[in-house]
Amino acid sequence: MAAHKFDYPPLLAPGRHFMTLSGIEALCVHPFTGQARKRREKLFYALDELVQELLRVKLPCTAFVDGSFLTEKPDPSDVDVLINIDEDVMKNLSVDQRILIDALNMEPYIAFIDSLAVTTYHRGHPYFGTALDVGNAGDAYGLEHAGVWLKGIAVLRFGETDVGLRICR
């Protein structure tokens, strides 16, 4: 039987937590000291760089932040970020938005960020609920490696979604 990767205790209760970038910094960087804080600051600056890129191209999306960065692990290797883009937005991307999405899906675009940009399809779309409907990948976030217990994920909203006005499925 294969051994599961050890998971440190989560910093958030199970579920999705809508946060600000400064809230993530307060949770994932400030409580740590010494080398752990220096490492986490480096990772946070990489996350900030990603956020600035999303803002620069004005991409309406939701970013799910997960992984060991949102646990008590003192020296996480990266920050896991899933960028979820609604299908109607994907149909109308600007050139800069398309370039960014393509870059986010190629490793590594930003050092210390493990990113993936995916599409969410609405209920009436032929791809809804199929293997191509990877927009539900955010539902797989928040599980520890053994799949036994849940942990929380931080959610950042950009563009139309940052006030929660987009109609989602």
N, C-alpha and C. Protein backbone atom coordinates (compact mmCIF):
# COMPACT_ATOMS: atom_id res chain seq x y z
N MET A 1 0.84 -1.18 0.00
CA MET A 1 0.00 0.00 0.00
C MET A 1 0.89 1.24 0.00
N ALA A 2 0.58 2.18 -0.87
CA ALA A 2 1.38 3.41 -0.97
C ALA A 2 1.10 4.33 0.20
N ALA A 3 2.15 4.98 0.68
CA ALA A 3 2.00 5.93 1.79
C ALA A 3 1.50 7.26 1.25
N HIS A 4 0.70 7.94 2.06
CA HIS A 4 0.20 9.25 1.67
C HIS A 4 1.18 10.33 2.14
N LYS A 5 1.23 11.40 1.40
CA LYS A 5 2.05 12.53 1.74
C LYS A 5 1.53 13.14 3.04
N PHE A 6 2.43 13.50 3.94
CA PHE A 6 2.04 14.09 5.22
C PHE A 6 1.48 15.49 4.99
N ASP A 7 0.38 15.80 5.66
CA ASP A 7 -0.22 17.13 5.60
C ASP A 7 -0.13 17.81 6.96
N TYR A 8 0.31 19.05 6.95
CA TYR A 8 0.33 19.85 8.18
C TYR A 8 -1.09 20.35 8.46
N PRO A 9 -1.37 20.71 9.71
CA PRO A 9 -2.71 21.23 10.03
C PRO A 9 -3.03 22.48 9.20
N PRO A 10 -4.28 22.61 8.76
CA PRO A 10 -4.67 23.75 7.93
C PRO A 10 -4.78 25.04 8.75
N LEU A 11 -4.62 26.17 8.07
CA LEU A 11 -4.77 27.48 8.70
C LEU A 11 -6.21 27.97 8.65
N LEU A 12 -7.04 27.35 7.82
CA LEU A 12 -8.45 27.73 7.69
C LEU A 12 -9.35 26.54 7.97
N ALA A 13 -10.52 26.83 8.51
CA ALA A 13 -11.54 25.79 8.69
C ALA A 13 -11.98 25.29 7.32
N PRO A 14 -12.56 24.10 7.23
CA PRO A 14 -13.00 23.58 5.93
C PRO A 14 -13.93 24.54 5.21
N GLY A 15 -13.79 24.56 3.89
CA GLY A 15 -14.67 25.37 3.06
C GLY A 15 -13.92 26.49 2.34
N ARG A 16 -14.70 27.27 1.61
CA ARG A 16 -14.14 28.40 0.85
C ARG A 16 -14.24 29.66 1.70
N HIS A 17 -13.15 30.40 1.73
CA HIS A 17 -13.08 31.63 2.51
C HIS A 17 -12.73 32.77 1.56
N PHE A 18 -13.69 33.66 1.32
CA PHE A 18 -13.45 34.80 0.45
C PHE A 18 -12.58 35.79 1.21
N MET A 19 -11.42 36.08 0.65
CA MET A 19 -10.43 36.88 1.35
C MET A 19 -9.87 37.97 0.45
N THR A 20 -9.11 38.86 1.05
CA THR A 20 -8.32 39.84 0.32
C THR A 20 -6.88 39.36 0.32
N LEU A 21 -6.08 39.96 -0.51
CA LEU A 21 -4.67 39.60 -0.55
C LEU A 21 -4.01 39.90 0.80
N SER A 22 -4.35 41.03 1.40
CA SER A 22 -3.77 41.36 2.71
C SER A 22 -4.25 40.39 3.78
N GLY A 23 -5.46 39.86 3.64
CA GLY A 23 -5.94 38.85 4.58
C GLY A 23 -5.15 37.55 4.47
N ILE A 24 -4.80 37.19 3.24
CA ILE A 24 -3.97 35.99 3.05
C ILE A 24 -2.58 36.21 3.66
N GLU A 25 -2.04 37.40 3.48
CA GLU A 25 -0.73 37.71 4.07
C GLU A 25 -0.80 37.63 5.59
N ALA A 26 -1.85 38.18 6.18
CA ALA A 26 -2.01 38.14 7.64
C ALA A 26 -2.14 36.71 8.15
N LEU A 27 -2.75 35.84 7.38
CA LEU A 27 -2.96 34.45 7.79
C LEU A 27 -1.74 33.58 7.53
N CYS A 28 -1.12 33.75 6.37
CA CYS A 28 -0.10 32.80 5.91
C CYS A 28 1.34 33.26 6.10
N VAL A 29 1.55 34.52 6.46
CA VAL A 29 2.92 35.04 6.61
C VAL A 29 3.17 35.57 8.02
N HIS A 30 2.33 36.50 8.48
CA HIS A 30 2.58 37.21 9.74
C HIS A 30 2.73 36.34 10.98
N PRO A 31 1.99 35.24 11.12
CA PRO A 31 2.15 34.43 12.34
C PRO A 31 3.49 33.68 12.43
N PHE A 32 4.22 33.60 11.36
CA PHE A 32 5.46 32.82 11.32
C PHE A 32 6.65 33.71 11.65
N THR A 33 7.72 33.08 12.11
CA THR A 33 8.93 33.82 12.48
C THR A 33 10.16 33.19 11.83
N GLY A 34 11.26 33.92 11.88
CA GLY A 34 12.54 33.41 11.42
C GLY A 34 12.55 33.02 9.96
N GLN A 35 13.21 31.89 9.68
CA GLN A 35 13.34 31.40 8.30
C GLN A 35 11.98 31.06 7.68
N ALA A 36 11.06 30.56 8.50
CA ALA A 36 9.73 30.22 7.99
C ALA A 36 9.04 31.48 7.46
N ARG A 37 9.17 32.58 8.18
CA ARG A 37 8.54 33.82 7.73
C ARG A 37 9.20 34.32 6.44
N LYS A 38 10.54 34.24 6.37
CA LYS A 38 11.23 34.68 5.15
C LYS A 38 10.78 33.86 3.94
N ARG A 39 10.67 32.56 4.12
CA ARG A 39 10.23 31.69 3.03
C ARG A 39 8.81 32.04 2.60
N ARG A 40 7.93 32.21 3.58
CA ARG A 40 6.54 32.51 3.29
C ARG A 40 6.37 33.90 2.68
N GLU A 41 7.21 34.84 3.06
CA GLU A 41 7.17 36.17 2.42
C GLU A 41 7.51 36.05 0.95
N LYS A 42 8.51 35.24 0.63
CA LYS A 42 8.89 35.03 -0.77
C LYS A 42 7.72 34.44 -1.57
N LEU A 43 7.04 33.47 -0.98
CA LEU A 43 5.89 32.86 -1.65
C LEU A 43 4.75 33.86 -1.79
N PHE A 44 4.54 34.66 -0.75
CA PHE A 44 3.47 35.65 -0.82
C PHE A 44 3.75 36.69 -1.92
N TYR A 45 4.99 37.11 -2.05
CA TYR A 45 5.33 38.07 -3.11
C TYR A 45 5.08 37.48 -4.49
N ALA A 46 5.28 36.18 -4.64
CA ALA A 46 4.96 35.52 -5.91
C ALA A 46 3.45 35.54 -6.14
N LEU A 47 2.67 35.27 -5.09
CA LEU A 47 1.21 35.33 -5.20
C LEU A 47 0.77 36.75 -5.55
N ASP A 48 1.39 37.74 -4.92
CA ASP A 48 1.08 39.13 -5.22
C ASP A 48 1.38 39.45 -6.69
N GLU A 49 2.48 38.92 -7.21
CA GLU A 49 2.82 39.12 -8.62
C GLU A 49 1.72 38.55 -9.53
N LEU A 50 1.22 37.37 -9.20
CA LEU A 50 0.13 36.77 -9.97
C LEU A 50 -1.11 37.65 -9.91
N VAL A 51 -1.45 38.12 -8.73
CA VAL A 51 -2.62 38.99 -8.57
C VAL A 51 -2.47 40.25 -9.42
N GLN A 52 -1.29 40.83 -9.41
CA GLN A 52 -1.06 42.04 -10.21
C GLN A 52 -1.23 41.77 -11.70
N GLU A 53 -0.80 40.60 -12.15
CA GLU A 53 -0.99 40.22 -13.56
C GLU A 53 -2.47 40.10 -13.90
N LEU A 54 -3.26 39.47 -13.01
CA LEU A 54 -4.69 39.34 -13.24
C LEU A 54 -5.37 40.71 -13.29
N LEU A 55 -4.94 41.60 -12.40
CA LEU A 55 -5.49 42.95 -12.38
C LEU A 55 -5.07 43.74 -13.62
N ARG A 56 -3.82 43.56 -14.04
CA ARG A 56 -3.31 44.30 -15.20
C ARG A 56 -4.13 44.01 -16.46
N VAL A 57 -4.49 42.74 -16.66
CA VAL A 57 -5.25 42.38 -17.86
C VAL A 57 -6.77 42.45 -17.64
N LYS A 58 -7.16 42.81 -16.42
CA LYS A 58 -8.59 42.96 -16.09
C LYS A 58 -9.38 41.68 -16.39
N LEU A 59 -8.88 40.56 -15.89
CA LEU A 59 -9.53 39.27 -16.14
C LEU A 59 -10.56 38.97 -15.05
N PRO A 60 -11.86 38.94 -15.39
CA PRO A 60 -12.86 38.53 -14.41
C PRO A 60 -12.70 37.04 -14.12
N CYS A 61 -12.36 36.72 -12.89
CA CYS A 61 -12.12 35.32 -12.55
C CYS A 61 -12.16 35.14 -11.04
N THR A 62 -12.05 33.90 -10.64
CA THR A 62 -11.94 33.56 -9.23
C THR A 62 -10.66 32.74 -9.07
N ALA A 63 -9.86 33.09 -8.07
CA ALA A 63 -8.62 32.36 -7.80
C ALA A 63 -8.77 31.58 -6.50
N PHE A 64 -8.57 30.27 -6.58
CA PHE A 64 -8.58 29.41 -5.40
C PHE A 64 -7.14 29.19 -4.97
N VAL A 65 -6.81 29.59 -3.76
CA VAL A 65 -5.44 29.46 -3.24
C VAL A 65 -5.46 28.31 -2.23
N ASP A 66 -4.56 27.34 -2.44
CA ASP A 66 -4.58 26.11 -1.64
C ASP A 66 -3.16 25.61 -1.48
N GLY A 67 -3.03 24.43 -0.96
CA GLY A 67 -1.73 23.80 -0.82
C GLY A 67 -1.10 24.05 0.54
N SER A 68 0.15 23.66 0.66
CA SER A 68 0.83 23.74 1.95
C SER A 68 1.03 25.18 2.42
N PHE A 69 0.92 26.15 1.53
CA PHE A 69 1.01 27.55 1.93
C PHE A 69 -0.12 27.90 2.90
N LEU A 70 -1.26 27.20 2.79
CA LEU A 70 -2.38 27.44 3.68
C LEU A 70 -2.43 26.43 4.83
N THR A 71 -1.26 25.91 5.18
CA THR A 71 -1.14 25.03 6.34
C THR A 71 -0.06 25.57 7.27
N GLU A 72 0.18 24.88 8.36
CA GLU A 72 1.21 25.27 9.31
C GLU A 72 2.61 24.87 8.87
N LYS A 73 2.76 24.29 7.71
CA LYS A 73 4.07 23.89 7.22
C LYS A 73 4.98 25.12 7.16
N PRO A 74 6.14 25.07 7.82
CA PRO A 74 6.99 26.26 7.88
C PRO A 74 7.65 26.62 6.55
N ASP A 75 7.89 25.63 5.70
CA ASP A 75 8.65 25.91 4.47
C ASP A 75 7.97 25.31 3.23
N PRO A 76 6.77 25.80 2.89
CA PRO A 76 6.12 25.28 1.68
C PRO A 76 6.97 25.56 0.46
N SER A 77 6.87 24.68 -0.54
CA SER A 77 7.70 24.86 -1.74
C SER A 77 7.07 25.83 -2.73
N ASP A 78 5.73 25.97 -2.70
CA ASP A 78 5.06 26.86 -3.65
C ASP A 78 3.68 27.22 -3.14
N VAL A 79 2.95 27.97 -3.94
CA VAL A 79 1.55 28.31 -3.67
C VAL A 79 0.74 27.72 -4.81
N ASP A 80 -0.25 26.90 -4.48
CA ASP A 80 -1.13 26.31 -5.50
C ASP A 80 -2.28 27.27 -5.76
N VAL A 81 -2.47 27.63 -7.04
CA VAL A 81 -3.53 28.57 -7.41
C VAL A 81 -4.28 28.03 -8.63
N LEU A 82 -5.58 27.90 -8.47
CA LEU A 82 -6.45 27.50 -9.57
C LEU A 82 -7.25 28.74 -9.98
N ILE A 83 -7.12 29.15 -11.23
CA ILE A 83 -7.85 30.30 -11.76
C ILE A 83 -9.07 29.78 -12.48
N ASN A 84 -10.25 30.14 -12.00
CA ASN A 84 -11.51 29.66 -12.57
C ASN A 84 -12.15 30.80 -13.37
N ILE A 85 -12.39 30.54 -14.66
CA ILE A 85 -12.92 31.55 -15.57
C ILE A 85 -14.23 31.04 -16.16
N ASP A 86 -15.27 31.84 -16.06
CA ASP A 86 -16.56 31.44 -16.61
C ASP A 86 -16.48 31.35 -18.13
N GLU A 87 -17.27 30.44 -18.69
CA GLU A 87 -17.25 30.17 -20.13
C GLU A 87 -17.55 31.41 -20.97
N ASP A 88 -18.47 32.25 -20.51
CA ASP A 88 -18.80 33.45 -21.28
C ASP A 88 -17.62 34.42 -21.32
N VAL A 89 -16.83 34.45 -20.26
CA VAL A 89 -15.62 35.29 -20.24
C VAL A 89 -14.59 34.72 -21.20
N MET A 90 -14.43 33.39 -21.19
CA MET A 90 -13.45 32.74 -22.07
C MET A 90 -13.74 33.03 -23.55
N LYS A 91 -15.00 33.18 -23.90
CA LYS A 91 -15.36 33.45 -25.29
C LYS A 91 -14.97 34.85 -25.74
N ASN A 92 -14.76 35.76 -24.79
CA ASN A 92 -14.54 37.16 -25.12
C ASN A 92 -13.22 37.70 -24.57
N LEU A 93 -12.19 36.88 -24.55
CA LEU A 93 -10.91 37.31 -24.00
C LEU A 93 -10.20 38.32 -24.90
N SER A 94 -9.52 39.25 -24.26
CA SER A 94 -8.64 40.14 -25.02
C SER A 94 -7.35 39.37 -25.32
N VAL A 95 -6.53 39.92 -26.16
CA VAL A 95 -5.26 39.28 -26.50
C VAL A 95 -4.40 39.11 -25.24
N ASP A 96 -4.31 40.16 -24.42
CA ASP A 96 -3.50 40.09 -23.20
C ASP A 96 -4.04 39.06 -22.22
N GLN A 97 -5.37 38.95 -22.12
CA GLN A 97 -5.96 37.94 -21.24
C GLN A 97 -5.64 36.53 -21.73
N ARG A 98 -5.74 36.30 -23.03
CA ARG A 98 -5.44 34.98 -23.59
C ARG A 98 -3.98 34.61 -23.36
N ILE A 99 -3.08 35.56 -23.57
CA ILE A 99 -1.65 35.31 -23.35
C ILE A 99 -1.41 34.94 -21.89
N LEU A 100 -2.04 35.64 -20.95
CA LEU A 100 -1.86 35.34 -19.53
C LEU A 100 -2.40 33.95 -19.20
N ILE A 101 -3.58 33.63 -19.67
CA ILE A 101 -4.15 32.30 -19.39
C ILE A 101 -3.25 31.20 -19.92
N ASP A 102 -2.77 31.36 -21.14
CA ASP A 102 -1.86 30.35 -21.70
C ASP A 102 -0.59 30.24 -20.86
N ALA A 103 -0.07 31.37 -20.41
CA ALA A 103 1.14 31.36 -19.60
C ALA A 103 0.90 30.69 -18.24
N LEU A 104 -0.26 30.91 -17.65
CA LEU A 104 -0.58 30.31 -16.35
C LEU A 104 -0.65 28.79 -16.43
N ASN A 105 -0.95 28.28 -17.61
CA ASN A 105 -1.05 26.84 -17.79
C ASN A 105 0.26 26.20 -18.23
N MET A 106 1.31 27.00 -18.30
CA MET A 106 2.63 26.47 -18.63
C MET A 106 3.52 26.64 -17.41
N GLU A 107 4.21 25.60 -17.04
CA GLU A 107 5.08 25.66 -15.86
C GLU A 107 6.47 26.11 -16.23
N PRO A 108 7.16 26.83 -15.46
CA PRO A 108 6.61 27.77 -14.49
C PRO A 108 6.46 29.15 -15.11
N TYR A 109 5.34 29.78 -14.89
CA TYR A 109 5.14 31.14 -15.39
C TYR A 109 5.68 32.13 -14.37
N ILE A 110 5.25 31.98 -13.14
CA ILE A 110 5.77 32.79 -12.03
C ILE A 110 6.42 31.82 -11.06
N ALA A 111 7.68 32.08 -10.72
CA ALA A 111 8.39 31.21 -9.79
C ALA A 111 7.60 31.09 -8.48
N PHE A 112 7.55 29.89 -7.96
CA PHE A 112 6.89 29.56 -6.69
C PHE A 112 5.36 29.53 -6.77
N ILE A 113 4.82 29.64 -7.98
CA ILE A 113 3.36 29.53 -8.16
C ILE A 113 3.07 28.32 -9.03
N ASP A 114 2.27 27.41 -8.51
CA ASP A 114 1.80 26.25 -9.27
C ASP A 114 0.38 26.60 -9.70
N SER A 115 0.22 27.03 -10.97
CA SER A 115 -1.06 27.57 -11.40
C SER A 115 -1.70 26.74 -12.50
N LEU A 116 -3.01 26.87 -12.57
CA LEU A 116 -3.80 26.25 -13.63
C LEU A 116 -5.01 27.14 -13.85
N ALA A 117 -5.29 27.49 -15.09
CA ALA A 117 -6.47 28.26 -15.44
C ALA A 117 -7.47 27.33 -16.11
N VAL A 118 -8.71 27.32 -15.62
CA VAL A 118 -9.74 26.40 -16.10
C VAL A 118 -11.04 27.15 -16.40
N THR A 119 -11.91 26.51 -17.15
CA THR A 119 -13.20 27.09 -17.53
C THR A 119 -14.34 26.41 -16.78
N THR A 120 -15.31 27.21 -16.38
CA THR A 120 -16.55 26.70 -15.80
C THR A 120 -17.66 26.86 -16.83
N TYR A 121 -18.43 25.80 -17.06
CA TYR A 121 -19.54 25.83 -18.00
C TYR A 121 -20.86 25.89 -17.24
N HIS A 122 -21.83 26.63 -17.78
CA HIS A 122 -23.14 26.75 -17.16
C HIS A 122 -23.95 25.47 -17.37
N ARG A 123 -25.00 25.31 -16.63
CA ARG A 123 -25.79 24.08 -16.64
C ARG A 123 -26.29 23.68 -18.02
N GLY A 124 -26.67 24.60 -18.85
CA GLY A 124 -27.22 24.26 -20.16
C GLY A 124 -26.17 23.97 -21.22
N HIS A 125 -24.92 24.16 -20.91
CA HIS A 125 -23.85 23.96 -21.90
C HIS A 125 -23.61 22.46 -22.10
N PRO A 126 -23.33 22.03 -23.34
CA PRO A 126 -23.08 20.61 -23.60
C PRO A 126 -21.91 20.03 -22.80
N TYR A 127 -20.94 20.86 -22.40
CA TYR A 127 -19.79 20.36 -21.65
C TYR A 127 -20.04 20.30 -20.14
N PHE A 128 -21.15 20.87 -19.67
CA PHE A 128 -21.42 20.88 -18.24
C PHE A 128 -21.45 19.46 -17.69
N GLY A 129 -20.69 19.23 -16.63
CA GLY A 129 -20.66 17.93 -15.98
C GLY A 129 -19.83 16.87 -16.67
N THR A 130 -19.21 17.21 -17.81
CA THR A 130 -18.37 16.24 -18.51
C THR A 130 -16.92 16.40 -18.05
N ALA A 131 -16.06 15.57 -18.59
CA ALA A 131 -14.63 15.65 -18.25
C ALA A 131 -14.04 16.98 -18.70
N LEU A 132 -14.67 17.63 -19.66
CA LEU A 132 -14.18 18.94 -20.14
C LEU A 132 -14.59 20.08 -19.22
N ASP A 133 -15.51 19.83 -18.30
CA ASP A 133 -15.99 20.86 -17.37
C ASP A 133 -15.04 20.92 -16.17
N VAL A 134 -13.82 21.35 -16.43
CA VAL A 134 -12.81 21.37 -15.38
C VAL A 134 -12.99 22.53 -14.42
N GLY A 135 -13.98 23.38 -14.66
CA GLY A 135 -14.26 24.47 -13.74
C GLY A 135 -14.64 23.99 -12.36
N ASN A 136 -15.09 22.75 -12.27
CA ASN A 136 -15.40 22.18 -10.96
C ASN A 136 -14.16 21.69 -10.24
N ALA A 137 -12.99 21.87 -10.83
CA ALA A 137 -11.76 21.44 -10.18
C ALA A 137 -11.58 22.12 -8.83
N GLY A 138 -12.16 23.31 -8.67
CA GLY A 138 -12.08 24.01 -7.38
C GLY A 138 -12.72 23.20 -6.27
N ASP A 139 -13.65 22.31 -6.62
CA ASP A 139 -14.28 21.47 -5.61
C ASP A 139 -13.32 20.44 -5.04
N ALA A 140 -12.28 20.09 -5.80
CA ALA A 140 -11.29 19.12 -5.33
C ALA A 140 -10.28 19.78 -4.40
N TYR A 141 -10.18 21.10 -4.47
CA TYR A 141 -9.30 21.81 -3.55
C TYR A 141 -9.89 21.68 -2.15
N GLY A 142 -9.05 21.78 -1.16
CA GLY A 142 -9.53 21.72 0.21
C GLY A 142 -9.58 20.32 0.78
N LEU A 143 -8.95 19.36 0.10
CA LEU A 143 -8.83 18.00 0.65
C LEU A 143 -7.36 17.74 0.95
N GLU A 144 -7.11 17.12 2.09
CA GLU A 144 -5.73 16.73 2.35
C GLU A 144 -5.38 15.54 1.48
N HIS A 145 -4.11 15.22 1.38
CA HIS A 145 -3.65 14.23 0.41
C HIS A 145 -4.28 12.85 0.54
N ALA A 146 -4.59 12.42 1.75
CA ALA A 146 -5.21 11.11 1.92
C ALA A 146 -6.70 11.16 1.62
N GLY A 147 -7.26 12.36 1.45
CA GLY A 147 -8.68 12.50 1.16
C GLY A 147 -9.57 12.20 2.33
N VAL A 148 -9.00 12.21 3.54
CA VAL A 148 -9.76 11.85 4.73
C VAL A 148 -10.41 13.06 5.39
N TRP A 149 -9.69 14.17 5.46
CA TRP A 149 -10.26 15.35 6.10
C TRP A 149 -10.14 16.57 5.21
N LEU A 150 -11.00 17.53 5.49
CA LEU A 150 -11.09 18.75 4.70
C LEU A 150 -10.24 19.85 5.31
N LYS A 151 -9.83 20.77 4.44
CA LYS A 151 -9.15 21.97 4.90
C LYS A 151 -9.73 23.14 4.12
N GLY A 152 -9.49 24.32 4.60
CA GLY A 152 -10.05 25.50 3.95
C GLY A 152 -9.19 25.99 2.81
N ILE A 153 -9.83 26.71 1.89
CA ILE A 153 -9.11 27.35 0.79
C ILE A 153 -9.45 28.83 0.79
N ALA A 154 -8.49 29.63 0.38
CA ALA A 154 -8.71 31.06 0.25
C ALA A 154 -9.19 31.35 -1.17
N VAL A 155 -10.15 32.24 -1.29
CA VAL A 155 -10.72 32.59 -2.58
C VAL A 155 -10.57 34.09 -2.81
N LEU A 156 -9.96 34.43 -3.93
CA LEU A 156 -9.83 35.82 -4.35
C LEU A 156 -10.70 36.02 -5.58
N ARG A 157 -11.49 37.10 -5.59
CA ARG A 157 -12.36 37.38 -6.73
C ARG A 157 -11.85 38.61 -7.47
N PHE A 158 -11.89 38.56 -8.80
CA PHE A 158 -11.38 39.64 -9.64
C PHE A 158 -12.42 40.07 -10.65
N GLY A 159 -12.40 41.34 -11.00
CA GLY A 159 -13.30 41.84 -12.03
C GLY A 159 -14.72 41.90 -11.55
N GLU A 160 -15.63 41.45 -12.41
CA GLU A 160 -17.05 41.49 -12.06
C GLU A 160 -17.34 40.72 -10.80
N THR A 161 -16.55 39.71 -10.50
CA THR A 161 -16.87 38.85 -9.36
C THR A 161 -16.41 39.42 -8.03
N ASP A 162 -15.63 40.48 -8.00
CA ASP A 162 -15.10 40.91 -6.72
C ASP A 162 -16.15 41.51 -5.80
N VAL A 163 -17.36 41.73 -6.28
CA VAL A 163 -18.46 42.11 -5.41
C VAL A 163 -19.56 41.05 -5.44
N GLY A 164 -19.29 39.94 -6.06
CA GLY A 164 -20.21 38.82 -6.07
C GLY A 164 -21.46 39.03 -6.92
N LEU A 165 -21.39 39.85 -7.97
CA LEU A 165 -22.57 40.14 -8.76
C LEU A 165 -22.74 39.25 -9.98
N ARG A 166 -21.75 38.46 -10.34
CA ARG A 166 -21.92 37.55 -11.48
C ARG A 166 -22.87 36.44 -11.07
N ILE A 167 -23.72 36.06 -12.01
CA ILE A 167 -24.63 34.95 -11.75
C ILE A 167 -23.87 33.68 -12.08
N CYS A 168 -23.68 32.86 -11.09
CA CYS A 168 -22.96 31.60 -11.29
C CYS A 168 -23.93 30.46 -11.15
N ARG A 169 -23.49 29.31 -11.63
CA ARG A 169 -24.37 28.15 -11.54
C ARG A 169 -24.62 27.87 -10.13
